[in-house]
Amino acid sequence: MYYYIHMANPIKLIIFPVKDADKAKTLYNAFLGVEPYADSPYYIGYKVGDLEVGLVPNSQDLVNYIDVEDIQGSIKELEAAGATLYTDVKNVGGGLIVAAVKDADGNILGLRQQPK
């Protein structure tokens, strides 16, 4: 039995790739009804309830992230279920660790481990 990923693990972060950050911000501000809490050249983040919506300029990947307790164990569990590693584990700042796998159809599934 696996313990790394739970059956009811909601998506916590959705990343949208954008080509023009300024145009995207105007649209997402109107669509979500809030201003971004983070606004940098590499990431624009919105908090909407328990969900975070991120815009990533110059990216091509739509990624949905879930939070996990053990990112390495979660990767192994997903690989055993048929996923392949897409982006290796990395600390993106403040102790937040992320990684991603791809399913058999090429969809990207993101994993986040919150700082301890």
PDB file of N, CA and C in Angstrom:
ATOM      1  N   MET A   1       0.856  -1.183   0.000  1.00  0.00           N
ATOM      2  CA  MET A   1       0.000   0.000   0.000  1.00  0.00           C
ATOM      3  C   MET A   1       0.895   1.237   0.000  1.00  0.00           C
ATOM      4  N   TYR A   2       0.495   2.237  -0.753  1.00  0.00           N
ATOM      5  CA  TYR A   2       1.263   3.470  -0.860  1.00  0.00           C
ATOM      6  C   TYR A   2       0.708   4.509   0.101  1.00  0.00           C
ATOM      7  N   TYR A   3       1.595   5.306   0.649  1.00  0.00           N
ATOM      8  CA  TYR A   3       1.190   6.317   1.622  1.00  0.00           C
ATOM      9  C   TYR A   3       1.615   7.724   1.229  1.00  0.00           C
ATOM     10  N   TYR A   4       2.227   7.889   0.097  1.00  0.00           N
ATOM     11  CA  TYR A   4       2.757   9.194  -0.288  1.00  0.00           C
ATOM     12  C   TYR A   4       1.686  10.098  -0.884  1.00  0.00           C
ATOM     13  N   ILE A   5       0.822   9.543  -1.685  1.00  0.00           N
ATOM     14  CA  ILE A   5      -0.222  10.312  -2.335  1.00  0.00           C
ATOM     15  C   ILE A   5      -1.558   9.747  -1.864  1.00  0.00           C
ATOM     16  N   HIS A   6      -2.461  10.608  -1.474  1.00  0.00           N
ATOM     17  CA  HIS A   6      -3.741  10.175  -0.934  1.00  0.00           C
ATOM     18  C   HIS A   6      -4.825  10.324  -1.985  1.00  0.00           C
ATOM     19  N   MET A   7      -5.857   9.509  -1.862  1.00  0.00           N
ATOM     20  CA  MET A   7      -6.943   9.483  -2.832  1.00  0.00           C
ATOM     21  C   MET A   7      -7.579  10.854  -3.038  1.00  0.00           C
ATOM     22  N   ALA A   8      -7.841  11.576  -1.984  1.00  0.00           N
ATOM     23  CA  ALA A   8      -8.501  12.885  -2.091  1.00  0.00           C
ATOM     24  C   ALA A   8      -7.480  13.994  -1.903  1.00  0.00           C
ATOM     25  N   ASN A   9      -6.549  14.112  -2.837  1.00  0.00           N
ATOM     26  CA  ASN A   9      -5.506  15.121  -2.757  1.00  0.00           C
ATOM     27  C   ASN A   9      -5.831  16.209  -3.778  1.00  0.00           C
ATOM     28  N   PRO A  10      -6.402  17.329  -3.330  1.00  0.00           N
ATOM     29  CA  PRO A  10      -6.855  18.346  -4.285  1.00  0.00           C
ATOM     30  C   PRO A  10      -5.701  19.072  -4.977  1.00  0.00           C
ATOM     31  N   ILE A  11      -5.970  19.522  -6.175  1.00  0.00           N
ATOM     32  CA  ILE A  11      -5.004  20.348  -6.892  1.00  0.00           C
ATOM     33  C   ILE A  11      -4.906  21.669  -6.143  1.00  0.00           C
ATOM     34  N   LYS A  12      -3.676  22.097  -5.850  1.00  0.00           N
ATOM     35  CA  LYS A  12      -3.442  23.318  -5.085  1.00  0.00           C
ATOM     36  C   LYS A  12      -2.930  24.465  -5.944  1.00  0.00           C
ATOM     37  N   LEU A  13      -2.312  24.133  -7.083  1.00  0.00           N
ATOM     38  CA  LEU A  13      -1.705  25.158  -7.934  1.00  0.00           C
ATOM     39  C   LEU A  13      -1.886  24.761  -9.383  1.00  0.00           C
ATOM     40  N   ILE A  14      -2.354  25.707 -10.186  1.00  0.00           N
ATOM     41  CA  ILE A  14      -2.458  25.512 -11.633  1.00  0.00           C
ATOM     42  C   ILE A  14      -1.546  26.545 -12.289  1.00  0.00           C
ATOM     43  N   ILE A  15      -0.629  26.071 -13.114  1.00  0.00           N
ATOM     44  CA  ILE A  15       0.309  26.942 -13.827  1.00  0.00           C
ATOM     45  C   ILE A  15      -0.124  27.046 -15.286  1.00  0.00           C
ATOM     46  N   PHE A  16      -0.316  28.278 -15.745  1.00  0.00           N
ATOM     47  CA  PHE A  16      -0.645  28.543 -17.141  1.00  0.00           C
ATOM     48  C   PHE A  16       0.557  29.189 -17.817  1.00  0.00           C
ATOM     49  N   PRO A  17       0.986  28.662 -18.962  1.00  0.00           N
ATOM     50  CA  PRO A  17       2.045  29.330 -19.710  1.00  0.00           C
ATOM     51  C   PRO A  17       1.459  30.549 -20.428  1.00  0.00           C
ATOM     52  N   VAL A  18       2.203  31.653 -20.443  1.00  0.00           N
ATOM     53  CA  VAL A  18       1.740  32.862 -21.134  1.00  0.00           C
ATOM     54  C   VAL A  18       2.869  33.433 -21.991  1.00  0.00           C
ATOM     55  N   LYS A  19       2.487  34.033 -23.096  1.00  0.00           N
ATOM     56  CA  LYS A  19       3.463  34.646 -23.987  1.00  0.00           C
ATOM     57  C   LYS A  19       3.677  36.117 -23.655  1.00  0.00           C
ATOM     58  N   ASP A  20       2.607  36.806 -23.315  1.00  0.00           N
ATOM     59  CA  ASP A  20       2.681  38.232 -23.001  1.00  0.00           C
ATOM     60  C   ASP A  20       2.151  38.433 -21.579  1.00  0.00           C
ATOM     61  N   ALA A  21       3.052  38.633 -20.640  1.00  0.00           N
ATOM     62  CA  ALA A  21       2.688  38.712 -19.219  1.00  0.00           C
ATOM     63  C   ALA A  21       1.728  39.865 -18.938  1.00  0.00           C
ATOM     64  N   ASP A  22       1.947  41.010 -19.534  1.00  0.00           N
ATOM     65  CA  ASP A  22       1.074  42.164 -19.273  1.00  0.00           C
ATOM     66  C   ASP A  22      -0.357  41.918 -19.753  1.00  0.00           C
ATOM     67  N   LYS A  23      -0.502  41.388 -20.955  1.00  0.00           N
ATOM     68  CA  LYS A  23      -1.838  41.069 -21.462  1.00  0.00           C
ATOM     69  C   LYS A  23      -2.497  39.987 -20.606  1.00  0.00           C
ATOM     70  N   ALA A  24      -1.708  38.986 -20.217  1.00  0.00           N
ATOM     71  CA  ALA A  24      -2.243  37.893 -19.404  1.00  0.00           C
ATOM     72  C   ALA A  24      -2.707  38.414 -18.044  1.00  0.00           C
ATOM     73  N   LYS A  25      -1.917  39.303 -17.428  1.00  0.00           N
ATOM     74  CA  LYS A  25      -2.312  39.857 -16.125  1.00  0.00           C
ATOM     75  C   LYS A  25      -3.632  40.611 -16.227  1.00  0.00           C
ATOM     76  N   THR A  26      -3.792  41.400 -17.269  1.00  0.00           N
ATOM     77  CA  THR A  26      -5.043  42.141 -17.448  1.00  0.00           C
ATOM     78  C   THR A  26      -6.225  41.182 -17.516  1.00  0.00           C
ATOM     79  N   LEU A  27      -6.088  40.123 -18.300  1.00  0.00           N
ATOM     80  CA  LEU A  27      -7.166  39.156 -18.445  1.00  0.00           C
ATOM     81  C   LEU A  27      -7.412  38.386 -17.138  1.00  0.00           C
ATOM     82  N   TYR A  28      -6.363  37.874 -16.510  1.00  0.00           N
ATOM     83  CA  TYR A  28      -6.537  37.072 -15.296  1.00  0.00           C
ATOM     84  C   TYR A  28      -6.997  37.919 -14.110  1.00  0.00           C
ATOM     85  N   ASN A  29      -6.586  39.177 -14.049  1.00  0.00           N
ATOM     86  CA  ASN A  29      -7.123  40.071 -13.013  1.00  0.00           C
ATOM     87  C   ASN A  29      -8.641  40.165 -13.141  1.00  0.00           C
ATOM     88  N   ALA A  30      -9.125  40.332 -14.388  1.00  0.00           N
ATOM     89  CA  ALA A  30     -10.566  40.430 -14.618  1.00  0.00           C
ATOM     90  C   ALA A  30     -11.254  39.086 -14.380  1.00  0.00           C
ATOM     91  N   PHE A  31     -10.668  38.020 -14.856  1.00  0.00           N
ATOM     92  CA  PHE A  31     -11.261  36.688 -14.739  1.00  0.00           C
ATOM     93  C   PHE A  31     -11.345  36.223 -13.285  1.00  0.00           C
ATOM     94  N   LEU A  32     -10.261  36.400 -12.531  1.00  0.00           N
ATOM     95  CA  LEU A  32     -10.222  35.929 -11.147  1.00  0.00           C
ATOM     96  C   LEU A  32     -10.768  36.944 -10.151  1.00  0.00           C
ATOM     97  N   GLY A  33     -10.813  38.209 -10.549  1.00  0.00           N
ATOM     98  CA  GLY A  33     -11.343  39.246  -9.670  1.00  0.00           C
ATOM     99  C   GLY A  33     -10.401  39.671  -8.571  1.00  0.00           C
ATOM    100  N   VAL A  34      -9.112  39.378  -8.725  1.00  0.00           N
ATOM    101  CA  VAL A  34      -8.092  39.774  -7.740  1.00  0.00           C
ATOM    102  C   VAL A  34      -6.820  40.190  -8.463  1.00  0.00           C
ATOM    103  N   GLU A  35      -6.011  40.943  -7.754  1.00  0.00           N
ATOM    104  CA  GLU A  35      -4.681  41.304  -8.250  1.00  0.00           C
ATOM    105  C   GLU A  35      -3.699  40.206  -7.840  1.00  0.00           C
ATOM    106  N   PRO A  36      -2.597  40.050  -8.562  1.00  0.00           N
ATOM    107  CA  PRO A  36      -1.625  39.027  -8.173  1.00  0.00           C
ATOM    108  C   PRO A  36      -0.944  39.377  -6.850  1.00  0.00           C
ATOM    109  N   TYR A  37      -0.670  38.347  -6.055  1.00  0.00           N
ATOM    110  CA  TYR A  37       0.094  38.540  -4.815  1.00  0.00           C
ATOM    111  C   TYR A  37       1.594  38.502  -5.106  1.00  0.00           C
ATOM    112  N   ALA A  38       1.967  37.864  -6.225  1.00  0.00           N
ATOM    113  CA  ALA A  38       3.367  37.809  -6.663  1.00  0.00           C
ATOM    114  C   ALA A  38       3.400  38.267  -8.113  1.00  0.00           C
ATOM    115  N   ASP A  39       4.324  39.167  -8.430  1.00  0.00           N
ATOM    116  CA  ASP A  39       4.400  39.703  -9.783  1.00  0.00           C
ATOM    117  C   ASP A  39       5.865  39.943 -10.121  1.00  0.00           C
ATOM    118  N   SER A  40       6.479  38.947 -10.757  1.00  0.00           N
ATOM    119  CA  SER A  40       7.885  39.056 -11.127  1.00  0.00           C
ATOM    120  C   SER A  40       8.028  38.678 -12.598  1.00  0.00           C
ATOM    121  N   PRO A  41       9.190  38.898 -13.173  1.00  0.00           N
ATOM    122  CA  PRO A  41       9.377  38.548 -14.584  1.00  0.00           C
ATOM    123  C   PRO A  41       9.231  37.053 -14.872  1.00  0.00           C
ATOM    124  N   TYR A  42       9.394  36.191 -13.860  1.00  0.00           N
ATOM    125  CA  TYR A  42       9.337  34.756 -14.097  1.00  0.00           C
ATOM    126  C   TYR A  42       8.098  34.080 -13.513  1.00  0.00           C
ATOM    127  N   TYR A  43       7.311  34.782 -12.676  1.00  0.00           N
ATOM    128  CA  TYR A  43       6.116  34.172 -12.082  1.00  0.00           C
ATOM    129  C   TYR A  43       5.140  35.242 -11.626  1.00  0.00           C
ATOM    130  N   ILE A  44       3.871  35.040 -11.978  1.00  0.00           N
ATOM    131  CA  ILE A  44       2.781  35.914 -11.532  1.00  0.00           C
ATOM    132  C   ILE A  44       1.793  34.998 -10.820  1.00  0.00           C
ATOM    133  N   GLY A  45       1.566  35.238  -9.530  1.00  0.00           N
ATOM    134  CA  GLY A  45       0.743  34.329  -8.755  1.00  0.00           C
ATOM    135  C   GLY A  45      -0.487  34.981  -8.167  1.00  0.00           C
ATOM    136  N   TYR A  46      -1.592  34.265  -8.230  1.00  0.00           N
ATOM    137  CA  TYR A  46      -2.870  34.699  -7.673  1.00  0.00           C
ATOM    138  C   TYR A  46      -3.318  33.698  -6.614  1.00  0.00           C
ATOM    139  N   LYS A  47      -3.891  34.190  -5.529  1.00  0.00           N
ATOM    140  CA  LYS A  47      -4.514  33.330  -4.514  1.00  0.00           C
ATOM    141  C   LYS A  47      -6.025  33.473  -4.680  1.00  0.00           C
ATOM    142  N   VAL A  48      -6.693  32.347  -4.888  1.00  0.00           N
ATOM    143  CA  VAL A  48      -8.137  32.320  -5.048  1.00  0.00           C
ATOM    144  C   VAL A  48      -8.656  31.218  -4.124  1.00  0.00           C
ATOM    145  N   GLY A  49      -9.073  31.606  -2.915  1.00  0.00           N
ATOM    146  CA  GLY A  49      -9.465  30.607  -1.927  1.00  0.00           C
ATOM    147  C   GLY A  49      -8.275  29.742  -1.572  1.00  0.00           C
ATOM    148  N   ASP A  50      -8.445  28.432  -1.647  1.00  0.00           N
ATOM    149  CA  ASP A  50      -7.360  27.490  -1.361  1.00  0.00           C
ATOM    150  C   ASP A  50      -6.523  27.171  -2.593  1.00  0.00           C
ATOM    151  N   LEU A  51      -6.859  27.775  -3.720  1.00  0.00           N
ATOM    152  CA  LEU A  51      -6.173  27.496  -4.971  1.00  0.00           C
ATOM    153  C   LEU A  51      -5.234  28.647  -5.330  1.00  0.00           C
ATOM    154  N   GLU A  52      -4.090  28.285  -5.881  1.00  0.00           N
ATOM    155  CA  GLU A  52      -3.182  29.284  -6.432  1.00  0.00           C
ATOM    156  C   GLU A  52      -3.174  29.115  -7.940  1.00  0.00           C
ATOM    157  N   VAL A  53      -3.260  30.231  -8.648  1.00  0.00           N
ATOM    158  CA  VAL A  53      -3.170  30.245 -10.101  1.00  0.00           C
ATOM    159  C   VAL A  53      -1.901  31.000 -10.447  1.00  0.00           C
ATOM    160  N   GLY A  54      -1.031  30.356 -11.205  1.00  0.00           N
ATOM    161  CA  GLY A  54       0.234  30.965 -11.580  1.00  0.00           C
ATOM    162  C   GLY A  54       0.344  31.146 -13.076  1.00  0.00           C
ATOM    163  N   LEU A  55       0.916  32.263 -13.475  1.00  0.00           N
ATOM    164  CA  LEU A  55       1.226  32.532 -14.875  1.00  0.00           C
ATOM    165  C   LEU A  55       2.737  32.514 -15.019  1.00  0.00           C
ATOM    166  N   VAL A  56       3.233  31.764 -15.995  1.00  0.00           N
ATOM    167  CA  VAL A  56       4.673  31.660 -16.199  1.00  0.00           C
ATOM    168  C   VAL A  56       5.001  32.117 -17.617  1.00  0.00           C
ATOM    169  N   PRO A  57       5.600  33.317 -17.725  1.00  0.00           N
ATOM    170  CA  PRO A  57       5.977  33.817 -19.048  1.00  0.00           C
ATOM    171  C   PRO A  57       6.995  32.908 -19.728  1.00  0.00           C
ATOM    172  N   ASN A  58       6.858  32.784 -21.022  1.00  0.00           N
ATOM    173  CA  ASN A  58       7.798  32.044 -21.862  1.00  0.00           C
ATOM    174  C   ASN A  58       7.886  30.564 -21.520  1.00  0.00           C
ATOM    175  N   SER A  59       6.834  30.007 -20.983  1.00  0.00           N
ATOM    176  CA  SER A  59       6.759  28.577 -20.715  1.00  0.00           C
ATOM    177  C   SER A  59       5.797  27.957 -21.721  1.00  0.00           C
ATOM    178  N   GLN A  60       5.901  26.663 -21.881  1.00  0.00           N
ATOM    179  CA  GLN A  60       4.982  25.956 -22.761  1.00  0.00           C
ATOM    180  C   GLN A  60       4.153  24.930 -22.001  1.00  0.00           C
ATOM    181  N   ASP A  61       4.359  24.827 -20.699  1.00  0.00           N
ATOM    182  CA  ASP A  61       3.775  23.741 -19.924  1.00  0.00           C
ATOM    183  C   ASP A  61       2.597  24.180 -19.056  1.00  0.00           C
ATOM    184  N   LEU A  62       1.462  23.525 -19.239  1.00  0.00           N
ATOM    185  CA  LEU A  62       0.335  23.651 -18.322  1.00  0.00           C
ATOM    186  C   LEU A  62       0.551  22.574 -17.266  1.00  0.00           C
ATOM    187  N   VAL A  63       0.652  22.982 -16.005  1.00  0.00           N
ATOM    188  CA  VAL A  63       0.957  22.037 -14.931  1.00  0.00           C
ATOM    189  C   VAL A  63      -0.019  22.242 -13.786  1.00  0.00           C
ATOM    190  N   ASN A  64      -0.542  21.134 -13.256  1.00  0.00           N
ATOM    191  CA  ASN A  64      -1.371  21.140 -12.059  1.00  0.00           C
ATOM    192  C   ASN A  64      -0.576  20.500 -10.934  1.00  0.00           C
ATOM    193  N   TYR A  65      -0.496  21.182  -9.802  1.00  0.00           N
ATOM    194  CA  TYR A  65       0.305  20.695  -8.676  1.00  0.00           C
ATOM    195  C   TYR A  65      -0.577  20.249  -7.525  1.00  0.00           C
ATOM    196  N   ILE A  66      -0.135  19.177  -6.864  1.00  0.00           N
ATOM    197  CA  ILE A  66      -0.704  18.780  -5.587  1.00  0.00           C
ATOM    198  C   ILE A  66       0.395  18.893  -4.540  1.00  0.00           C
ATOM    199  N   ASP A  67       0.000  19.029  -3.286  1.00  0.00           N
ATOM    200  CA  ASP A  67       0.966  19.042  -2.186  1.00  0.00           C
ATOM    201  C   ASP A  67       1.151  17.624  -1.681  1.00  0.00           C
ATOM    202  N   VAL A  68       2.398  17.265  -1.415  1.00  0.00           N
ATOM    203  CA  VAL A  68       2.729  15.935  -0.902  1.00  0.00           C
ATOM    204  C   VAL A  68       3.635  16.081   0.316  1.00  0.00           C
ATOM    205  N   GLU A  69       3.633  15.069   1.143  1.00  0.00           N
ATOM    206  CA  GLU A  69       4.481  15.056   2.346  1.00  0.00           C
ATOM    207  C   GLU A  69       5.913  14.666   2.010  1.00  0.00           C
ATOM    208  N   ASP A  70       6.079  13.725   1.067  1.00  0.00           N
ATOM    209  CA  ASP A  70       7.389  13.162   0.726  1.00  0.00           C
ATOM    210  C   ASP A  70       7.515  13.149  -0.790  1.00  0.00           C
ATOM    211  N   ILE A  71       8.174  14.141  -1.329  1.00  0.00           N
ATOM    212  CA  ILE A  71       8.218  14.294  -2.785  1.00  0.00           C
ATOM    213  C   ILE A  71       8.963  13.139  -3.459  1.00  0.00           C
ATOM    214  N   GLN A  72      10.050  12.676  -2.863  1.00  0.00           N
ATOM    215  CA  GLN A  72      10.803  11.552  -3.450  1.00  0.00           C
ATOM    216  C   GLN A  72       9.952  10.283  -3.464  1.00  0.00           C
ATOM    217  N   GLY A  73       9.273  10.010  -2.352  1.00  0.00           N
ATOM    218  CA  GLY A  73       8.405   8.842  -2.290  1.00  0.00           C
ATOM    219  C   GLY A  73       7.247   8.945  -3.259  1.00  0.00           C
ATOM    220  N   SER A  74       6.702  10.144  -3.414  1.00  0.00           N
ATOM    221  CA  SER A  74       5.592  10.357  -4.345  1.00  0.00           C
ATOM    222  C   SER A  74       6.029  10.122  -5.784  1.00  0.00           C
ATOM    223  N   ILE A  75       7.225  10.569  -6.123  1.00  0.00           N
ATOM    224  CA  ILE A  75       7.751  10.333  -7.475  1.00  0.00           C
ATOM    225  C   ILE A  75       7.874   8.837  -7.722  1.00  0.00           C
ATOM    226  N   LYS A  76       8.434   8.111  -6.766  1.00  0.00           N
ATOM    227  CA  LYS A  76       8.579   6.653  -6.922  1.00  0.00           C
ATOM    228  C   LYS A  76       7.222   5.983  -7.090  1.00  0.00           C
ATOM    229  N   GLU A  77       6.245   6.414  -6.320  1.00  0.00           N
ATOM    230  CA  GLU A  77       4.898   5.847  -6.417  1.00  0.00           C
ATOM    231  C   GLU A  77       4.296   6.105  -7.793  1.00  0.00           C
ATOM    232  N   LEU A  78       4.440   7.314  -8.296  1.00  0.00           N
ATOM    233  CA  LEU A  78       3.885   7.646  -9.607  1.00  0.00           C
ATOM    234  C   LEU A  78       4.630   6.936 -10.732  1.00  0.00           C
ATOM    235  N   GLU A  79       5.941   6.799 -10.598  1.00  0.00           N
ATOM    236  CA  GLU A  79       6.707   6.051 -11.602  1.00  0.00           C
ATOM    237  C   GLU A  79       6.260   4.587 -11.622  1.00  0.00           C
ATOM    238  N   ALA A  80       5.997   4.017 -10.451  1.00  0.00           N
ATOM    239  CA  ALA A  80       5.507   2.634 -10.378  1.00  0.00           C
ATOM    240  C   ALA A  80       4.135   2.503 -11.037  1.00  0.00           C
ATOM    241  N   ALA A  81       3.378   3.595 -11.051  1.00  0.00           N
ATOM    242  CA  ALA A  81       2.052   3.593 -11.662  1.00  0.00           C
ATOM    243  C   ALA A  81       2.103   3.942 -13.149  1.00  0.00           C
ATOM    244  N   GLY A  82       3.296   4.200 -13.705  1.00  0.00           N
ATOM    245  CA  GLY A  82       3.426   4.438 -15.136  1.00  0.00           C
ATOM    246  C   GLY A  82       3.896   5.814 -15.553  1.00  0.00           C
ATOM    247  N   ALA A  83       4.119   6.711 -14.605  1.00  0.00           N
ATOM    248  CA  ALA A  83       4.598   8.057 -14.948  1.00  0.00           C
ATOM    249  C   ALA A  83       6.098   8.032 -15.220  1.00  0.00           C
ATOM    250  N   THR A  84       6.568   9.074 -15.915  1.00  0.00           N
ATOM    251  CA  THR A  84       8.007   9.247 -16.112  1.00  0.00           C
ATOM    252  C   THR A  84       8.400  10.619 -15.554  1.00  0.00           C
ATOM    253  N   LEU A  85       9.590  10.702 -15.013  1.00  0.00           N
ATOM    254  CA  LEU A  85      10.080  11.953 -14.433  1.00  0.00           C
ATOM    255  C   LEU A  85      10.195  13.009 -15.531  1.00  0.00           C
ATOM    256  N   TYR A  86       9.656  14.189 -15.268  1.00  0.00           N
ATOM    257  CA  TYR A  86       9.720  15.300 -16.229  1.00  0.00           C
ATOM    258  C   TYR A  86      10.698  16.371 -15.748  1.00  0.00           C
ATOM    259  N   THR A  87      10.526  16.842 -14.521  1.00  0.00           N
ATOM    260  CA  THR A  87      11.496  17.765 -13.933  1.00  0.00           C
ATOM    261  C   THR A  87      11.886  17.229 -12.564  1.00  0.00           C
ATOM    262  N   ASP A  88      13.174  17.133 -12.356  1.00  0.00           N
ATOM    263  CA  ASP A  88      13.693  16.583 -11.113  1.00  0.00           C
ATOM    264  C   ASP A  88      13.406  17.519  -9.942  1.00  0.00           C
ATOM    265  N   VAL A  89      13.558  17.009  -8.766  1.00  0.00           N
ATOM    266  CA  VAL A  89      13.307  17.746  -7.538  1.00  0.00           C
ATOM    267  C   VAL A  89      14.221  18.967  -7.473  1.00  0.00           C
ATOM    268  N   LYS A  90      13.611  20.127  -7.149  1.00  0.00           N
ATOM    269  CA  LYS A  90      14.423  21.327  -6.965  1.00  0.00           C
ATOM    270  C   LYS A  90      13.764  22.233  -5.933  1.00  0.00           C
ATOM    271  N   ASN A  91      14.589  22.952  -5.211  1.00  0.00           N
ATOM    272  CA  ASN A  91      14.132  23.934  -4.235  1.00  0.00           C
ATOM    273  C   ASN A  91      13.946  25.233  -5.010  1.00  0.00           C
ATOM    274  N   VAL A  92      12.714  25.761  -4.986  1.00  0.00           N
ATOM    275  CA  VAL A  92      12.428  26.980  -5.749  1.00  0.00           C
ATOM    276  C   VAL A  92      12.422  28.219  -4.868  1.00  0.00           C
ATOM    277  N   GLY A  93      12.871  28.069  -3.639  1.00  0.00           N
ATOM    278  CA  GLY A  93      12.985  29.202  -2.728  1.00  0.00           C
ATOM    279  C   GLY A  93      12.176  29.015  -1.470  1.00  0.00           C
ATOM    280  N   GLY A  94      12.731  29.439  -0.372  1.00  0.00           N
ATOM    281  CA  GLY A  94      12.038  29.377   0.898  1.00  0.00           C
ATOM    282  C   GLY A  94      11.776  27.969   1.392  1.00  0.00           C
ATOM    283  N   GLY A  95      12.496  27.004   0.853  1.00  0.00           N
ATOM    284  CA  GLY A  95      12.306  25.614   1.259  1.00  0.00           C
ATOM    285  C   GLY A  95      11.218  24.873   0.509  1.00  0.00           C
ATOM    286  N   LEU A  96      10.523  25.542  -0.418  1.00  0.00           N
ATOM    287  CA  LEU A  96       9.495  24.879  -1.222  1.00  0.00           C
ATOM    288  C   LEU A  96      10.192  24.020  -2.275  1.00  0.00           C
ATOM    289  N   ILE A  97       9.829  22.741  -2.307  1.00  0.00           N
ATOM    290  CA  ILE A  97      10.446  21.788  -3.234  1.00  0.00           C
ATOM    291  C   ILE A  97       9.395  21.355  -4.248  1.00  0.00           C
ATOM    292  N   VAL A  98       9.776  21.337  -5.524  1.00  0.00           N
ATOM    293  CA  VAL A  98       8.855  20.938  -6.585  1.00  0.00           C
ATOM    294  C   VAL A  98       9.512  19.913  -7.502  1.00  0.00           C
ATOM    295  N   ALA A  99       8.683  19.175  -8.188  1.00  0.00           N
ATOM    296  CA  ALA A  99       9.101  18.223  -9.222  1.00  0.00           C
ATOM    297  C   ALA A  99       7.875  17.962 -10.076  1.00  0.00           C
ATOM    298  N   ALA A 100       8.072  17.294 -11.203  1.00  0.00           N
ATOM    299  CA  ALA A 100       6.928  16.968 -12.062  1.00  0.00           C
ATOM    300  C   ALA A 100       7.193  15.652 -12.787  1.00  0.00           C
ATOM    301  N   VAL A 101       6.098  14.965 -13.089  1.00  0.00           N
ATOM    302  CA  VAL A 101       6.135  13.741 -13.869  1.00  0.00           C
ATOM    303  C   VAL A 101       5.187  13.904 -15.044  1.00  0.00           C
ATOM    304  N   LYS A 102       5.336  13.034 -16.036  1.00  0.00           N
ATOM    305  CA  LYS A 102       4.415  13.015 -17.178  1.00  0.00           C
ATOM    306  C   LYS A 102       3.665  11.695 -17.162  1.00  0.00           C
ATOM    307  N   ASP A 103       2.378  11.771 -17.530  1.00  0.00           N
ATOM    308  CA  ASP A 103       1.615  10.542 -17.681  1.00  0.00           C
ATOM    309  C   ASP A 103       1.855   9.982 -19.083  1.00  0.00           C
ATOM    310  N   ALA A 104       1.234   8.855 -19.389  1.00  0.00           N
ATOM    311  CA  ALA A 104       1.456   8.193 -20.676  1.00  0.00           C
ATOM    312  C   ALA A 104       1.010   9.041 -21.865  1.00  0.00           C
ATOM    313  N   ASP A 105       0.134  10.028 -21.623  1.00  0.00           N
ATOM    314  CA  ASP A 105      -0.341  10.890 -22.701  1.00  0.00           C
ATOM    315  C   ASP A 105       0.429  12.204 -22.806  1.00  0.00           C
ATOM    316  N   GLY A 106       1.461  12.360 -21.975  1.00  0.00           N
ATOM    317  CA  GLY A 106       2.270  13.571 -22.031  1.00  0.00           C
ATOM    318  C   GLY A 106       1.795  14.702 -21.150  1.00  0.00           C
ATOM    319  N   ASN A 107       0.749  14.476 -20.347  1.00  0.00           N
ATOM    320  CA  ASN A 107       0.280  15.501 -19.421  1.00  0.00           C
ATOM    321  C   ASN A 107       1.245  15.614 -18.251  1.00  0.00           C
ATOM    322  N   ILE A 108       1.454  16.833 -17.785  1.00  0.00           N
ATOM    323  CA  ILE A 108       2.415  17.076 -16.715  1.00  0.00           C
ATOM    324  C   ILE A 108       1.682  17.192 -15.391  1.00  0.00           C
ATOM    325  N   LEU A 109       2.146  16.408 -14.422  1.00  0.00           N
ATOM    326  CA  LEU A 109       1.582  16.400 -13.080  1.00  0.00           C
ATOM    327  C   LEU A 109       2.644  16.912 -12.123  1.00  0.00           C
ATOM    328  N   GLY A 110       2.339  17.991 -11.418  1.00  0.00           N
ATOM    329  CA  GLY A 110       3.313  18.615 -10.532  1.00  0.00           C
ATOM    330  C   GLY A 110       3.135  18.184  -9.082  1.00  0.00           C
ATOM    331  N   LEU A 111       4.242  18.144  -8.380  1.00  0.00           N
ATOM    332  CA  LEU A 111       4.281  17.811  -6.960  1.00  0.00           C
ATOM    333  C   LEU A 111       4.969  18.945  -6.218  1.00  0.00           C
ATOM    334  N   ARG A 112       4.388  19.336  -5.074  1.00  0.00           N
ATOM    335  CA  ARG A 112       4.997  20.359  -4.213  1.00  0.00           C
ATOM    336  C   ARG A 112       5.125  19.808  -2.802  1.00  0.00           C
ATOM    337  N   GLN A 113       6.280  20.008  -2.235  1.00  0.00           N
ATOM    338  CA  GLN A 113       6.490  19.688  -0.822  1.00  0.00           C
ATOM    339  C   GLN A 113       6.761  20.988  -0.110  1.00  0.00           C
ATOM    340  N   GLN A 114       5.870  21.334   0.807  1.00  0.00           N
ATOM    341  CA  GLN A 114       5.982  22.593   1.547  1.00  0.00           C
ATOM    342  C   GLN A 114       7.186  22.552   2.490  1.00  0.00           C
ATOM    343  N   PRO A 115       7.745  23.712   2.819  1.00  0.00           N
ATOM    344  CA  PRO A 115       8.858  23.758   3.766  1.00  0.00           C
ATOM    345  C   PRO A 115       8.469  23.144   5.106  1.00  0.00           C
ATOM    346  N   LYS A 116       9.429  22.507   5.724  1.00  0.00           N
ATOM    347  CA  LYS A 116       9.157  21.880   7.026  1.00  0.00           C
ATOM    348  C   LYS A 116       9.620  22.756   8.147  1.00  0.00           C
TER     349      LYS A 116
END
